[in-house]
Amino acid sequence: MNLCGEFTSSNPEDTLSLGNNIASLLEAGDIVFLIGDLGSGKTLIARGIARGLGYDGPVTSPSFTLVKTYPGKHTIHHCDLYRLQPEDDLYELGLEDIIGENTLVIFEWGEDFPVISYIPRWEIRIKFAESADRRTIEWKKVE
């Protein structure tokens, strides 16, 4: 798997498989921003990443809990910041406690928060393609 790339997904299974493959690029301590419109497949990519890191349980959107944690090769913290405002203090949520050497943190809607947008991270951008089921998915590491 390349450190950056683009893929066109034709169905949810393709998207899940891509997330699983992207997991092979990730290391403990990495941060991932999932960027895309509502319903584009961010949580599906997160589920694929979790599967690729050895977690086989349910992975659902953390929209109302803000953070869900899953065990795997690395502890995975899946965060959804959609309902927060950029001026909210993420550190009050315990952000400094979940970012660390032995964890992988996946942020949905993290790009809207200047306090974390400067950190080295992986960006996975999901865009709707020409038909309802198709997505264009790009990934890259941002230093």
Foldseek 3Di string as FASTA:
>chain_A
DDQKDKDKDQALVSLLCVLLVVLVVDAQLAEEEEAEDPPLQSQSSVNSNQVNQAFDDDGDDCVPVQWDWTDGVAIEIEGECVPPAQVDDCVVVVVVVARDRRYYYYYYPPCRHPVPVVDWHKYWYWYDDDDPRMIMIIIHTDD
